[in-house]
PDB file of N, CA and C in Angstrom:
ATOM      1  N   MET A   1       0.842  -1.177   0.000  1.00  0.00           N
ATOM      2  CA  MET A   1       0.000   0.000   0.000  1.00  0.00           C
ATOM      3  C   MET A   1       0.889   1.243   0.000  1.00  0.00           C
ATOM      4  N   ALA A   2       0.614   2.118  -0.874  1.00  0.00           N
ATOM      5  CA  ALA A   2       1.402   3.339  -1.005  1.00  0.00           C
ATOM      6  C   ALA A   2       1.098   4.294   0.140  1.00  0.00           C
ATOM      7  N   GLY A   3       2.130   5.038   0.544  1.00  0.00           N
ATOM      8  CA  GLY A   3       1.927   6.054   1.567  1.00  0.00           C
ATOM      9  C   GLY A   3       2.149   5.581   2.992  1.00  0.00           C
ATOM     10  N   LYS A   4       2.268   4.273   3.208  1.00  0.00           N
ATOM     11  CA  LYS A   4       2.501   3.768   4.563  1.00  0.00           C
ATOM     12  C   LYS A   4       4.004   3.660   4.799  1.00  0.00           C
ATOM     13  N   ILE A   5       4.427   4.176   5.919  1.00  0.00           N
ATOM     14  CA  ILE A   5       5.843   4.114   6.290  1.00  0.00           C
ATOM     15  C   ILE A   5       5.979   3.108   7.420  1.00  0.00           C
ATOM     16  N   ALA A   6       6.887   2.187   7.221  1.00  0.00           N
ATOM     17  CA  ALA A   6       7.116   1.165   8.256  1.00  0.00           C
ATOM     18  C   ALA A   6       7.719   1.819   9.495  1.00  0.00           C
ATOM     19  N   GLN A   7       7.165   1.525  10.627  1.00  0.00           N
ATOM     20  CA  GLN A   7       7.674   2.052  11.894  1.00  0.00           C
ATOM     21  C   GLN A   7       8.777   1.134  12.405  1.00  0.00           C
ATOM     22  N   PRO A   8       9.861   1.698  12.925  1.00  0.00           N
ATOM     23  CA  PRO A   8      10.925   0.847  13.474  1.00  0.00           C
ATOM     24  C   PRO A   8      10.420   0.070  14.680  1.00  0.00           C
ATOM     25  N   GLU A   9      10.878  -1.152  14.773  1.00  0.00           N
ATOM     26  CA  GLU A   9      10.466  -2.011  15.874  1.00  0.00           C
ATOM     27  C   GLU A   9      11.170  -1.562  17.156  1.00  0.00           C
ATOM     28  N   ARG A  10      10.434  -1.395  18.208  1.00  0.00           N
ATOM     29  CA  ARG A  10      11.012  -0.965  19.488  1.00  0.00           C
ATOM     30  C   ARG A  10      11.249  -2.179  20.365  1.00  0.00           C
ATOM     31  N   LYS A  11      12.412  -2.200  20.961  1.00  0.00           N
ATOM     32  CA  LYS A  11      12.734  -3.301  21.855  1.00  0.00           C
ATOM     33  C   LYS A  11      12.149  -3.015  23.234  1.00  0.00           C
ATOM     34  N   LYS A  12      11.649  -4.062  23.857  1.00  0.00           N
ATOM     35  CA  LYS A  12      11.102  -3.929  25.198  1.00  0.00           C
ATOM     36  C   LYS A  12      12.233  -3.823  26.203  1.00  0.00           C
ATOM     37  N   GLN A  13      12.068  -2.941  27.172  1.00  0.00           N
ATOM     38  CA  GLN A  13      13.075  -2.827  28.223  1.00  0.00           C
ATOM     39  C   GLN A  13      12.878  -3.966  29.206  1.00  0.00           C
ATOM     40  N   GLN A  14      13.978  -4.580  29.580  1.00  0.00           N
ATOM     41  CA  GLN A  14      13.904  -5.697  30.513  1.00  0.00           C
ATOM     42  C   GLN A  14      13.690  -5.179  31.927  1.00  0.00           C
ATOM     43  N   GLN A  15      12.804  -5.819  32.635  1.00  0.00           N
ATOM     44  CA  GLN A  15      12.537  -5.467  34.023  1.00  0.00           C
ATOM     45  C   GLN A  15      13.544  -6.134  34.949  1.00  0.00           C
ATOM     46  N   GLU A  16      14.111  -7.256  34.504  1.00  0.00           N
ATOM     47  CA  GLU A  16      15.054  -7.998  35.326  1.00  0.00           C
ATOM     48  C   GLU A  16      16.454  -7.439  35.139  1.00  0.00           C
ATOM     49  N   LYS A  17      17.328  -7.746  36.102  1.00  0.00           N
ATOM     50  CA  LYS A  17      18.723  -7.365  35.963  1.00  0.00           C
ATOM     51  C   LYS A  17      19.349  -8.208  34.860  1.00  0.00           C
ATOM     52  N   PRO A  18      20.042  -7.567  33.929  1.00  0.00           N
ATOM     53  CA  PRO A  18      20.685  -8.356  32.878  1.00  0.00           C
ATOM     54  C   PRO A  18      21.861  -9.141  33.433  1.00  0.00           C
ATOM     55  N   GLN A  19      22.090 -10.315  32.860  1.00  0.00           N
ATOM     56  CA  GLN A  19      23.240 -11.100  33.284  1.00  0.00           C
ATOM     57  C   GLN A  19      24.513 -10.420  32.808  1.00  0.00           C
ATOM     58  N   VAL A  20      25.552 -10.600  33.561  1.00  0.00           N
ATOM     59  CA  VAL A  20      26.832 -10.013  33.212  1.00  0.00           C
ATOM     60  C   VAL A  20      27.468 -10.835  32.108  1.00  0.00           C
ATOM     61  N   GLY A  21      27.849 -10.179  31.043  1.00  0.00           N
ATOM     62  CA  GLY A  21      28.511 -10.856  29.936  1.00  0.00           C
ATOM     63  C   GLY A  21      30.004 -10.958  30.191  1.00  0.00           C
ATOM     64  N   PRO A  22      30.679 -11.820  29.458  1.00  0.00           N
ATOM     65  CA  PRO A  22      32.102 -12.046  29.692  1.00  0.00           C
ATOM     66  C   PRO A  22      32.973 -10.828  29.381  1.00  0.00           C
ATOM     67  N   CYS A  23      32.471  -9.883  28.606  1.00  0.00           N
ATOM     68  CA  CYS A  23      33.278  -8.717  28.239  1.00  0.00           C
ATOM     69  C   CYS A  23      32.975  -7.481  29.076  1.00  0.00           C
ATOM     70  N   ASP A  24      32.036  -7.562  29.979  1.00  0.00           N
ATOM     71  CA  ASP A  24      31.695  -6.407  30.808  1.00  0.00           C
ATOM     72  C   ASP A  24      32.804  -6.129  31.811  1.00  0.00           C
ATOM     73  N   ASP A  25      33.017  -4.877  32.098  1.00  0.00           N
ATOM     74  CA  ASP A  25      34.016  -4.484  33.078  1.00  0.00           C
ATOM     75  C   ASP A  25      33.403  -4.648  34.475  1.00  0.00           C
ATOM     76  N   LEU A  26      33.800  -5.679  35.170  1.00  0.00           N
ATOM     77  CA  LEU A  26      33.204  -5.994  36.468  1.00  0.00           C
ATOM     78  C   LEU A  26      33.393  -4.879  37.479  1.00  0.00           C
ATOM     79  N   ARG A  27      34.553  -4.238  37.456  1.00  0.00           N
ATOM     80  CA  ARG A  27      34.812  -3.168  38.414  1.00  0.00           C
ATOM     81  C   ARG A  27      33.805  -2.026  38.254  1.00  0.00           C
ATOM     82  N   VAL A  28      33.483  -1.687  37.014  1.00  0.00           N
ATOM     83  CA  VAL A  28      32.518  -0.620  36.749  1.00  0.00           C
ATOM     84  C   VAL A  28      31.128  -1.044  37.209  1.00  0.00           C
ATOM     85  N   LEU A  29      30.746  -2.276  36.909  1.00  0.00           N
ATOM     86  CA  LEU A  29      29.430  -2.767  37.332  1.00  0.00           C
ATOM     87  C   LEU A  29      29.306  -2.798  38.848  1.00  0.00           C
ATOM     88  N   ILE A  30      30.370  -3.205  39.529  1.00  0.00           N
ATOM     89  CA  ILE A  30      30.358  -3.246  40.997  1.00  0.00           C
ATOM     90  C   ILE A  30      30.249  -1.829  41.545  1.00  0.00           C
ATOM     91  N   ALA A  31      31.010  -0.907  40.984  1.00  0.00           N
ATOM     92  CA  ALA A  31      30.963   0.484  41.448  1.00  0.00           C
ATOM     93  C   ALA A  31      29.571   1.081  41.257  1.00  0.00           C
ATOM     94  N   GLN A  32      28.933   0.790  40.131  1.00  0.00           N
ATOM     95  CA  GLN A  32      27.576   1.297  39.886  1.00  0.00           C
ATOM     96  C   GLN A  32      26.598   0.731  40.910  1.00  0.00           C
ATOM     97  N   ARG A  33      26.707  -0.563  41.171  1.00  0.00           N
ATOM     98  CA  ARG A  33      25.802  -1.206  42.134  1.00  0.00           C
ATOM     99  C   ARG A  33      26.050  -0.674  43.542  1.00  0.00           C
ATOM    100  N   ALA A  34      27.310  -0.457  43.909  1.00  0.00           N
ATOM    101  CA  ALA A  34      27.635   0.097  45.231  1.00  0.00           C
ATOM    102  C   ALA A  34      27.054   1.501  45.365  1.00  0.00           C
ATOM    103  N   PHE A  35      27.131   2.293  44.312  1.00  0.00           N
ATOM    104  CA  PHE A  35      26.550   3.636  44.350  1.00  0.00           C
ATOM    105  C   PHE A  35      25.036   3.574  44.494  1.00  0.00           C
ATOM    106  N   GLU A  36      24.399   2.624  43.821  1.00  0.00           N
ATOM    107  CA  GLU A  36      22.946   2.462  43.954  1.00  0.00           C
ATOM    108  C   GLU A  36      22.566   2.178  45.405  1.00  0.00           C
ATOM    109  N   ARG A  37      23.364   1.356  46.084  1.00  0.00           N
ATOM    110  CA  ARG A  37      23.100   1.051  47.494  1.00  0.00           C
ATOM    111  C   ARG A  37      23.268   2.318  48.354  1.00  0.00           C
ATOM    112  N   TYR A  38      24.322   3.081  48.083  1.00  0.00           N
ATOM    113  CA  TYR A  38      24.586   4.343  48.790  1.00  0.00           C
ATOM    114  C   TYR A  38      23.434   5.321  48.567  1.00  0.00           C
ATOM    115  N   GLN A  39      22.988   5.414  47.344  1.00  0.00           N
ATOM    116  CA  GLN A  39      21.882   6.298  46.989  1.00  0.00           C
ATOM    117  C   GLN A  39      20.586   5.856  47.672  1.00  0.00           C
ATOM    118  N   ALA A  40      20.312   4.559  47.669  1.00  0.00           N
ATOM    119  CA  ALA A  40      19.088   4.032  48.277  1.00  0.00           C
ATOM    120  C   ALA A  40      19.053   4.273  49.788  1.00  0.00           C
ATOM    121  N   ARG A  41      20.233   4.348  50.389  1.00  0.00           N
ATOM    122  CA  ARG A  41      20.325   4.592  51.825  1.00  0.00           C
ATOM    123  C   ARG A  41      20.247   6.082  52.141  1.00  0.00           C
ATOM    124  N   GLY A  42      20.072   6.917  51.142  1.00  0.00           N
ATOM    125  CA  GLY A  42      19.962   8.350  51.369  1.00  0.00           C
ATOM    126  C   GLY A  42      21.321   9.030  51.500  1.00  0.00           C
ATOM    127  N   PHE A  43      22.345   8.482  50.847  1.00  0.00           N
ATOM    128  CA  PHE A  43      23.692   9.044  50.836  1.00  0.00           C
ATOM    129  C   PHE A  43      24.311   9.133  52.234  1.00  0.00           C
ATOM    130  N   GLN A  44      23.967   8.190  53.071  1.00  0.00           N
ATOM    131  CA  GLN A  44      24.529   8.141  54.427  1.00  0.00           C
ATOM    132  C   GLN A  44      25.936   7.551  54.358  1.00  0.00           C
ATOM    133  N   ASP A  45      26.908   8.290  54.875  1.00  0.00           N
ATOM    134  CA  ASP A  45      28.304   7.853  54.841  1.00  0.00           C
ATOM    135  C   ASP A  45      28.592   6.769  55.872  1.00  0.00           C
ATOM    136  N   GLY A  46      29.749   6.109  55.683  1.00  0.00           N
ATOM    137  CA  GLY A  46      30.225   5.157  56.669  1.00  0.00           C
ATOM    138  C   GLY A  46      30.003   3.692  56.314  1.00  0.00           C
ATOM    139  N   PHE A  47      29.413   3.426  55.160  1.00  0.00           N
ATOM    140  CA  PHE A  47      29.111   2.051  54.781  1.00  0.00           C
ATOM    141  C   PHE A  47      29.730   1.695  53.426  1.00  0.00           C
ATOM    142  N   ASP A  48      30.785   2.412  53.046  1.00  0.00           N
ATOM    143  CA  ASP A  48      31.350   2.212  51.716  1.00  0.00           C
ATOM    144  C   ASP A  48      31.885   0.799  51.500  1.00  0.00           C
ATOM    145  N   LEU A  49      32.563   0.241  52.471  1.00  0.00           N
ATOM    146  CA  LEU A  49      33.081  -1.123  52.316  1.00  0.00           C
ATOM    147  C   LEU A  49      31.935  -2.130  52.252  1.00  0.00           C
ATOM    148  N   ASP A  50      30.950  -1.956  53.111  1.00  0.00           N
ATOM    149  CA  ASP A  50      29.776  -2.840  53.085  1.00  0.00           C
ATOM    150  C   ASP A  50      29.066  -2.766  51.729  1.00  0.00           C
ATOM    151  N   ASP A  51      28.907  -1.542  51.219  1.00  0.00           N
ATOM    152  CA  ASP A  51      28.257  -1.366  49.916  1.00  0.00           C
ATOM    153  C   ASP A  51      29.050  -2.055  48.821  1.00  0.00           C
ATOM    154  N   TRP A  52      30.370  -1.885  48.841  1.00  0.00           N
ATOM    155  CA  TRP A  52      31.211  -2.487  47.807  1.00  0.00           C
ATOM    156  C   TRP A  52      31.137  -4.016  47.856  1.00  0.00           C
ATOM    157  N   LEU A  53      31.268  -4.580  49.058  1.00  0.00           N
ATOM    158  CA  LEU A  53      31.266  -6.039  49.184  1.00  0.00           C
ATOM    159  C   LEU A  53      29.919  -6.637  48.792  1.00  0.00           C
ATOM    160  N   GLU A  54      28.850  -5.985  49.185  1.00  0.00           N
ATOM    161  CA  GLU A  54      27.517  -6.475  48.812  1.00  0.00           C
ATOM    162  C   GLU A  54      27.295  -6.328  47.309  1.00  0.00           C
ATOM    163  N   ALA A  55      27.746  -5.228  46.738  1.00  0.00           N
ATOM    164  CA  ALA A  55      27.633  -5.025  45.302  1.00  0.00           C
ATOM    165  C   ALA A  55      28.449  -6.073  44.550  1.00  0.00           C
ATOM    166  N   GLU A  56      29.616  -6.381  45.077  1.00  0.00           N
ATOM    167  CA  GLU A  56      30.467  -7.404  44.475  1.00  0.00           C
ATOM    168  C   GLU A  56      29.752  -8.753  44.452  1.00  0.00           C
ATOM    169  N   ARG A  57      29.107  -9.094  45.570  1.00  0.00           N
ATOM    170  CA  ARG A  57      28.345 -10.352  45.629  1.00  0.00           C
ATOM    171  C   ARG A  57      27.219 -10.352  44.601  1.00  0.00           C
ATOM    172  N   ASP A  58      26.492  -9.230  44.520  1.00  0.00           N
ATOM    173  CA  ASP A  58      25.377  -9.121  43.578  1.00  0.00           C
ATOM    174  C   ASP A  58      25.846  -9.321  42.139  1.00  0.00           C
ATOM    175  N   VAL A  59      26.883  -8.603  41.769  1.00  0.00           N
ATOM    176  CA  VAL A  59      27.364  -8.644  40.387  1.00  0.00           C
ATOM    177  C   VAL A  59      27.959 -10.011  40.061  1.00  0.00           C
ATOM    178  N   LEU A  60      28.788 -10.527  40.945  1.00  0.00           N
ATOM    179  CA  LEU A  60      29.444 -11.807  40.668  1.00  0.00           C
ATOM    180  C   LEU A  60      28.456 -12.972  40.649  1.00  0.00           C
ATOM    181  N   SER A  61      27.335 -12.823  41.349  1.00  0.00           N
ATOM    182  CA  SER A  61      26.319 -13.882  41.312  1.00  0.00           C
ATOM    183  C   SER A  61      25.623 -13.950  39.958  1.00  0.00           C
ATOM    184  N   GLN A  62      25.763 -12.905  39.140  1.00  0.00           N
ATOM    185  CA  GLN A  62      25.160 -12.866  37.811  1.00  0.00           C
ATOM    186  C   GLN A  62      26.088 -13.384  36.726  1.00  0.00           C
ATOM    187  N   VAL A  63      27.333 -13.661  37.076  1.00  0.00           N
ATOM    188  CA  VAL A  63      28.295 -14.139  36.082  1.00  0.00           C
ATOM    189  C   VAL A  63      28.002 -15.613  35.813  1.00  0.00           C
ATOM    190  N   PRO A  64      27.730 -15.943  34.554  1.00  0.00           N
ATOM    191  CA  PRO A  64      27.446 -17.343  34.236  1.00  0.00           C
ATOM    192  C   PRO A  64      28.695 -18.199  34.401  1.00  0.00           C
ATOM    193  N   PRO A  65      28.527 -19.444  34.853  1.00  0.00           N
ATOM    194  CA  PRO A  65      29.695 -20.323  35.003  1.00  0.00           C
ATOM    195  C   PRO A  65      30.313 -20.643  33.645  1.00  0.00           C
ATOM    196  N   VAL A  66      31.615 -20.835  33.663  1.00  0.00           N
ATOM    197  CA  VAL A  66      32.320 -21.150  32.411  1.00  0.00           C
ATOM    198  C   VAL A  66      32.655 -22.620  32.323  1.00  0.00           C
TER     199      VAL A  66
END
């Protein structure tokens, strides 16, 4: 049919956390997750090591076994 323009297909945003791929920079992902924890706590200082270690557990638990 003339005059119809095909619309680009939009990808759905995933609601789940994406799995970590083998090429992702783990340090960056851990730092982002640690910041999210800091932010969720209302930027309260004094828990940086706890945030980092918990973020590390979260991120590394998403790494598929090789």
